[in-house]
PDB file of N, CA and C in Angstrom:
ATOM      1  N   MET A   1      91.116  84.370 104.401  1.00  0.00           N
ATOM      2  CA  MET A   1      90.415  85.431 105.079  1.00  0.00           C
ATOM      3  C   MET A   1      88.982  85.461 104.551  1.00  0.00           C
ATOM      4  N   LYS A   2      88.047  85.616 105.450  1.00  0.00           N
ATOM      5  CA  LYS A   2      86.653  85.709 105.048  1.00  0.00           C
ATOM      6  C   LYS A   2      86.406  87.045 104.364  1.00  0.00           C
ATOM      7  N   ILE A   3      85.499  87.053 103.409  1.00  0.00           N
ATOM      8  CA  ILE A   3      85.213  88.256 102.635  1.00  0.00           C
ATOM      9  C   ILE A   3      84.701  89.369 103.534  1.00  0.00           C
ATOM     10  N   ARG A   4      83.950  89.028 104.555  1.00  0.00           N
ATOM     11  CA  ARG A   4      83.421  90.010 105.502  1.00  0.00           C
ATOM     12  C   ARG A   4      84.553  90.729 106.233  1.00  0.00           C
ATOM     13  N   ASP A   5      85.582  89.968 106.642  1.00  0.00           N
ATOM     14  CA  ASP A   5      86.739  90.556 107.317  1.00  0.00           C
ATOM     15  C   ASP A   5      87.556  91.425 106.364  1.00  0.00           C
ATOM     16  N   ALA A   6      87.654  90.998 105.118  1.00  0.00           N
ATOM     17  CA  ALA A   6      88.404  91.762 104.122  1.00  0.00           C
ATOM     18  C   ALA A   6      87.738  93.115 103.860  1.00  0.00           C
ATOM     19  N   ILE A   7      86.432  93.123 103.703  1.00  0.00           N
ATOM     20  CA  ILE A   7      85.705  94.378 103.470  1.00  0.00           C
ATOM     21  C   ILE A   7      85.822  95.287 104.679  1.00  0.00           C
ATOM     22  N   SER A   8      85.721  94.723 105.865  1.00  0.00           N
ATOM     23  CA  SER A   8      85.848  95.500 107.091  1.00  0.00           C
ATOM     24  C   SER A   8      87.239  96.141 107.185  1.00  0.00           C
ATOM     25  N   PHE A   9      88.281  95.383 106.848  1.00  0.00           N
ATOM     26  CA  PHE A   9      89.642  95.905 106.884  1.00  0.00           C
ATOM     27  C   PHE A   9      89.809  97.055 105.898  1.00  0.00           C
ATOM     28  N   LEU A  10      89.275  96.907 104.687  1.00  0.00           N
ATOM     29  CA  LEU A  10      89.402  97.969 103.687  1.00  0.00           C
ATOM     30  C   LEU A  10      88.678  99.233 104.130  1.00  0.00           C
ATOM     31  N   ARG A  11      87.498  99.083 104.692  1.00  0.00           N
ATOM     32  CA  ARG A  11      86.736 100.260 105.143  1.00  0.00           C
ATOM     33  C   ARG A  11      87.424 100.969 106.295  1.00  0.00           C
ATOM     34  N   LYS A  12      88.032 100.210 107.207  1.00  0.00           N
ATOM     35  CA  LYS A  12      88.735 100.820 108.334  1.00  0.00           C
ATOM     36  C   LYS A  12      89.956 101.612 107.878  1.00  0.00           C
ATOM     37  N   ASN A  13      90.484 101.259 106.712  1.00  0.00           N
ATOM     38  CA  ASN A  13      91.667 101.930 106.183  1.00  0.00           C
ATOM     39  C   ASN A  13      91.326 102.972 105.123  1.00  0.00           C
ATOM     40  N   GLY A  14      90.096 103.433 105.111  1.00  0.00           N
ATOM     41  CA  GLY A  14      89.728 104.569 104.269  1.00  0.00           C
ATOM     42  C   GLY A  14      89.265 104.243 102.864  1.00  0.00           C
ATOM     43  N   CYS A  15      88.992 102.990 102.575  1.00  0.00           N
ATOM     44  CA  CYS A  15      88.528 102.622 101.236  1.00  0.00           C
ATOM     45  C   CYS A  15      87.003 102.635 101.194  1.00  0.00           C
ATOM     46  N   ILE A  16      86.486 102.990 100.033  1.00  0.00           N
ATOM     47  CA  ILE A  16      85.040 103.100  99.850  1.00  0.00           C
ATOM     48  C   ILE A  16      84.628 102.202  98.687  1.00  0.00           C
ATOM     49  N   LEU A  17      83.510 101.542  98.852  1.00  0.00           N
ATOM     50  CA  LEU A  17      82.954 100.710  97.793  1.00  0.00           C
ATOM     51  C   LEU A  17      82.355 101.612  96.725  1.00  0.00           C
ATOM     52  N   ILE A  18      82.854 101.496  95.496  1.00  0.00           N
ATOM     53  CA  ILE A  18      82.328 102.296  94.386  1.00  0.00           C
ATOM     54  C   ILE A  18      81.100 101.622  93.802  1.00  0.00           C
ATOM     55  N   ARG A  19      81.269 100.349  93.415  1.00  0.00           N
ATOM     56  CA  ARG A  19      80.160  99.621  92.820  1.00  0.00           C
ATOM     57  C   ARG A  19      80.419  98.131  92.916  1.00  0.00           C
ATOM     58  N   GLU A  20      79.362  97.372  92.658  1.00  0.00           N
ATOM     59  CA  GLU A  20      79.452  95.917  92.652  1.00  0.00           C
ATOM     60  C   GLU A  20      79.235  95.433  91.230  1.00  0.00           C
ATOM     61  N   GLY A  21      80.132  94.610  90.754  1.00  0.00           N
ATOM     62  CA  GLY A  21      79.980  93.998  89.450  1.00  0.00           C
ATOM     63  C   GLY A  21      79.291  92.657  89.601  1.00  0.00           C
ATOM     64  N   ALA A  22      79.365  91.844  88.576  1.00  0.00           N
ATOM     65  CA  ALA A  22      78.728  90.532  88.622  1.00  0.00           C
ATOM     66  C   ALA A  22      79.409  89.623  89.644  1.00  0.00           C
ATOM     67  N   ARG A  23      80.744  89.675  89.684  1.00  0.00           N
ATOM     68  CA  ARG A  23      81.473  88.784  90.588  1.00  0.00           C
ATOM     69  C   ARG A  23      82.530  89.490  91.428  1.00  0.00           C
ATOM     70  N   HIS A  24      82.661  90.807  91.284  1.00  0.00           N
ATOM     71  CA  HIS A  24      83.675  91.562  92.011  1.00  0.00           C
ATOM     72  C   HIS A  24      83.083  92.829  92.598  1.00  0.00           C
ATOM     73  N   SER A  25      83.687  93.299  93.666  1.00  0.00           N
ATOM     74  CA  SER A  25      83.361  94.598  94.250  1.00  0.00           C
ATOM     75  C   SER A  25      84.556  95.508  93.989  1.00  0.00           C
ATOM     76  N   ILE A  26      84.295  96.740  93.612  1.00  0.00           N
ATOM     77  CA  ILE A  26      85.357  97.669  93.274  1.00  0.00           C
ATOM     78  C   ILE A  26      85.474  98.711  94.377  1.00  0.00           C
ATOM     79  N   PHE A  27      86.681  98.814  94.933  1.00  0.00           N
ATOM     80  CA  PHE A  27      86.968  99.735  96.025  1.00  0.00           C
ATOM     81  C   PHE A  27      87.940 100.801  95.556  1.00  0.00           C
ATOM     82  N   VAL A  28      87.833 101.984  96.169  1.00  0.00           N
ATOM     83  CA  VAL A  28      88.757 103.070  95.891  1.00  0.00           C
ATOM     84  C   VAL A  28      89.289 103.612  97.213  1.00  0.00           C
ATOM     85  N   ASN A  29      90.575 103.939  97.227  1.00  0.00           N
ATOM     86  CA  ASN A  29      91.196 104.594  98.371  1.00  0.00           C
ATOM     87  C   ASN A  29      91.215 106.082  98.037  1.00  0.00           C
ATOM     88  N   GLN A  30      90.431 106.874  98.739  1.00  0.00           N
ATOM     89  CA  GLN A  30      90.306 108.285  98.411  1.00  0.00           C
ATOM     90  C   GLN A  30      91.548 109.088  98.760  1.00  0.00           C
ATOM     91  N   ALA A  31      92.387 108.587  99.642  1.00  0.00           N
ATOM     92  CA  ALA A  31      93.592 109.316 100.016  1.00  0.00           C
ATOM     93  C   ALA A  31      94.553 109.447  98.841  1.00  0.00           C
ATOM     94  N   ASN A  32      94.656 108.387  98.027  1.00  0.00           N
ATOM     95  CA  ASN A  32      95.584 108.427  96.900  1.00  0.00           C
ATOM     96  C   ASN A  32      94.911 108.120  95.562  1.00  0.00           C
ATOM     97  N   ASN A  33      93.594 107.992  95.555  1.00  0.00           N
ATOM     98  CA  ASN A  33      92.787 107.785  94.342  1.00  0.00           C
ATOM     99  C   ASN A  33      93.189 106.519  93.578  1.00  0.00           C
ATOM    100  N   LYS A  34      93.471 105.434  94.303  1.00  0.00           N
ATOM    101  CA  LYS A  34      93.807 104.150  93.684  1.00  0.00           C
ATOM    102  C   LYS A  34      92.622 103.209  93.825  1.00  0.00           C
ATOM    103  N   THR A  35      92.409 102.368  92.819  1.00  0.00           N
ATOM    104  CA  THR A  35      91.296 101.429  92.843  1.00  0.00           C
ATOM    105  C   THR A  35      91.803  99.995  92.725  1.00  0.00           C
ATOM    106  N   SER A  36      90.955  99.063  93.186  1.00  0.00           N
ATOM    107  CA  SER A  36      91.228  97.646  93.052  1.00  0.00           C
ATOM    108  C   SER A  36      89.919  96.882  93.164  1.00  0.00           C
ATOM    109  N   THR A  37      89.912  95.671  92.641  1.00  0.00           N
ATOM    110  CA  THR A  37      88.717  94.837  92.693  1.00  0.00           C
ATOM    111  C   THR A  37      88.904  93.733  93.724  1.00  0.00           C
ATOM    112  N   LEU A  38      87.832  93.412  94.410  1.00  0.00           N
ATOM    113  CA  LEU A  38      87.817  92.358  95.418  1.00  0.00           C
ATOM    114  C   LEU A  38      86.798  91.310  94.976  1.00  0.00           C
ATOM    115  N   PRO A  39      87.233  90.062  94.741  1.00  0.00           N
ATOM    116  CA  PRO A  39      86.281  89.039  94.326  1.00  0.00           C
ATOM    117  C   PRO A  39      85.299  88.722  95.446  1.00  0.00           C
ATOM    118  N   ARG A  40      84.053  88.438  95.074  1.00  0.00           N
ATOM    119  CA  ARG A  40      83.035  88.123  96.074  1.00  0.00           C
ATOM    120  C   ARG A  40      82.871  86.617  96.199  1.00  0.00           C
ATOM    121  N   HIS A  41      83.848  86.003  96.813  1.00  0.00           N
ATOM    122  CA  HIS A  41      83.780  84.584  97.145  1.00  0.00           C
ATOM    123  C   HIS A  41      83.614  84.503  98.651  1.00  0.00           C
ATOM    124  N   ASN A  42      83.439  83.292  99.168  1.00  0.00           N
ATOM    125  CA  ASN A  42      83.331  83.144 100.616  1.00  0.00           C
ATOM    126  C   ASN A  42      84.630  83.495 101.308  1.00  0.00           C
ATOM    127  N   LYS A  43      85.752  83.129 100.697  1.00  0.00           N
ATOM    128  CA  LYS A  43      87.068  83.403 101.265  1.00  0.00           C
ATOM    129  C   LYS A  43      87.974  83.983 100.192  1.00  0.00           C
ATOM    130  N   VAL A  44      88.911  84.807 100.652  1.00  0.00           N
ATOM    131  CA  VAL A  44      89.914  85.392  99.764  1.00  0.00           C
ATOM    132  C   VAL A  44      91.277  84.918 100.260  1.00  0.00           C
ATOM    133  N   ASP A  45      92.100  84.438  99.350  1.00  0.00           N
ATOM    134  CA  ASP A  45      93.434  83.976  99.694  1.00  0.00           C
ATOM    135  C   ASP A  45      94.259  85.148 100.231  1.00  0.00           C
ATOM    136  N   ASP A  46      95.100  84.892 101.233  1.00  0.00           N
ATOM    137  CA  ASP A  46      95.903  85.960 101.833  1.00  0.00           C
ATOM    138  C   ASP A  46      96.843  86.604 100.818  1.00  0.00           C
ATOM    139  N   PHE A  47      97.406  85.809  99.918  1.00  0.00           N
ATOM    140  CA  PHE A  47      98.304  86.346  98.900  1.00  0.00           C
ATOM    141  C   PHE A  47      97.564  87.337  98.002  1.00  0.00           C
ATOM    142  N   LEU A  48      96.348  86.995  97.603  1.00  0.00           N
ATOM    143  CA  LEU A  48      95.539  87.881  96.768  1.00  0.00           C
ATOM    144  C   LEU A  48      95.140  89.135  97.532  1.00  0.00           C
ATOM    145  N   PHE A  49      94.802  88.992  98.805  1.00  0.00           N
ATOM    146  CA  PHE A  49      94.406  90.160  99.582  1.00  0.00           C
ATOM    147  C   PHE A  49      95.583  91.114  99.800  1.00  0.00           C
ATOM    148  N   LYS A  50      96.787  90.574  99.965  1.00  0.00           N
ATOM    149  CA  LYS A  50      97.972  91.426 100.074  1.00  0.00           C
ATOM    150  C   LYS A  50      98.171  92.227  98.788  1.00  0.00           C
ATOM    151  N   LYS A  51      97.913  91.599  97.647  1.00  0.00           N
ATOM    152  CA  LYS A  51      98.045  92.281  96.359  1.00  0.00           C
ATOM    153  C   LYS A  51      97.007  93.386  96.231  1.00  0.00           C
ATOM    154  N   ILE A  52      95.784  93.133  96.681  1.00  0.00           N
ATOM    155  CA  ILE A  52      94.717  94.140  96.635  1.00  0.00           C
ATOM    156  C   ILE A  52      95.094  95.326  97.523  1.00  0.00           C
ATOM    157  N   CYS A  53      95.614  95.051  98.712  1.00  0.00           N
ATOM    158  CA  CYS A  53      96.039  96.125  99.616  1.00  0.00           C
ATOM    159  C   CYS A  53      97.183  96.923  99.006  1.00  0.00           C
ATOM    160  N   ARG A  54      98.111  96.245  98.358  1.00  0.00           N
ATOM    161  CA  ARG A  54      99.225  96.935  97.710  1.00  0.00           C
ATOM    162  C   ARG A  54      98.713  97.833  96.582  1.00  0.00           C
ATOM    163  N   ASP A  55      97.722  97.355  95.826  1.00  0.00           N
ATOM    164  CA  ASP A  55      97.123  98.171  94.755  1.00  0.00           C
ATOM    165  C   ASP A  55      96.460  99.421  95.312  1.00  0.00           C
ATOM    166  N   LEU A  56      95.869  99.302  96.502  1.00  0.00           N
ATOM    167  CA  LEU A  56      95.169 100.430  97.120  1.00  0.00           C
ATOM    168  C   LEU A  56      96.090 101.314  97.960  1.00  0.00           C
ATOM    169  N   GLY A  57      97.346 100.909  98.136  1.00  0.00           N
ATOM    170  CA  GLY A  57      98.286 101.689  98.913  1.00  0.00           C
ATOM    171  C   GLY A  57      98.111 101.535 100.413  1.00  0.00           C
ATOM    172  N   ILE A  58      97.659 100.357 100.850  1.00  0.00           N
ATOM    173  CA  ILE A  58      97.420 100.061 102.266  1.00  0.00           C
ATOM    174  C   ILE A  58      98.413  98.996 102.700  1.00  0.00           C
ATOM    175  N   GLU A  59      98.940  99.137 103.921  1.00  0.00           N
ATOM    176  CA  GLU A  59      99.836  98.118 104.453  1.00  0.00           C
ATOM    177  C   GLU A  59      98.996  97.061 105.175  1.00  0.00           C
ATOM    178  N   PHE A  60      99.165  95.803 104.784  1.00  0.00           N
ATOM    179  CA  PHE A  60      98.410  94.701 105.372  1.00  0.00           C
ATOM    180  C   PHE A  60      99.307  93.926 106.326  1.00  0.00           C
ATOM    181  N   LYS A  61      98.910  93.869 107.588  1.00  0.00           N
ATOM    182  CA  LYS A  61      99.610  93.066 108.583  1.00  0.00           C
ATOM    183  C   LYS A  61      98.620  92.085 109.169  1.00  0.00           C
ATOM    184  N   ARG A  62      99.026  90.859 109.271  1.00  0.00           N
ATOM    185  CA  ARG A  62      98.146  89.841 109.834  1.00  0.00           C
ATOM    186  C   ARG A  62      98.717  89.232 111.049  1.00  0.00           C
TER     187      ARG A  62
END
């Protein structure tokens, strides 16, 4: 999955970007106050993105 699509999916599901680190972006889901980091590479593996969604309490369907 492209990083642009991943960020778009997180934002559509209520997640907000808190800050950007050197190599990761940190998102928070305000509905349940859970956080997770998203690596800033060109692509994110689907397995890793499913784990990020699970950390944020979002159901990922592809």
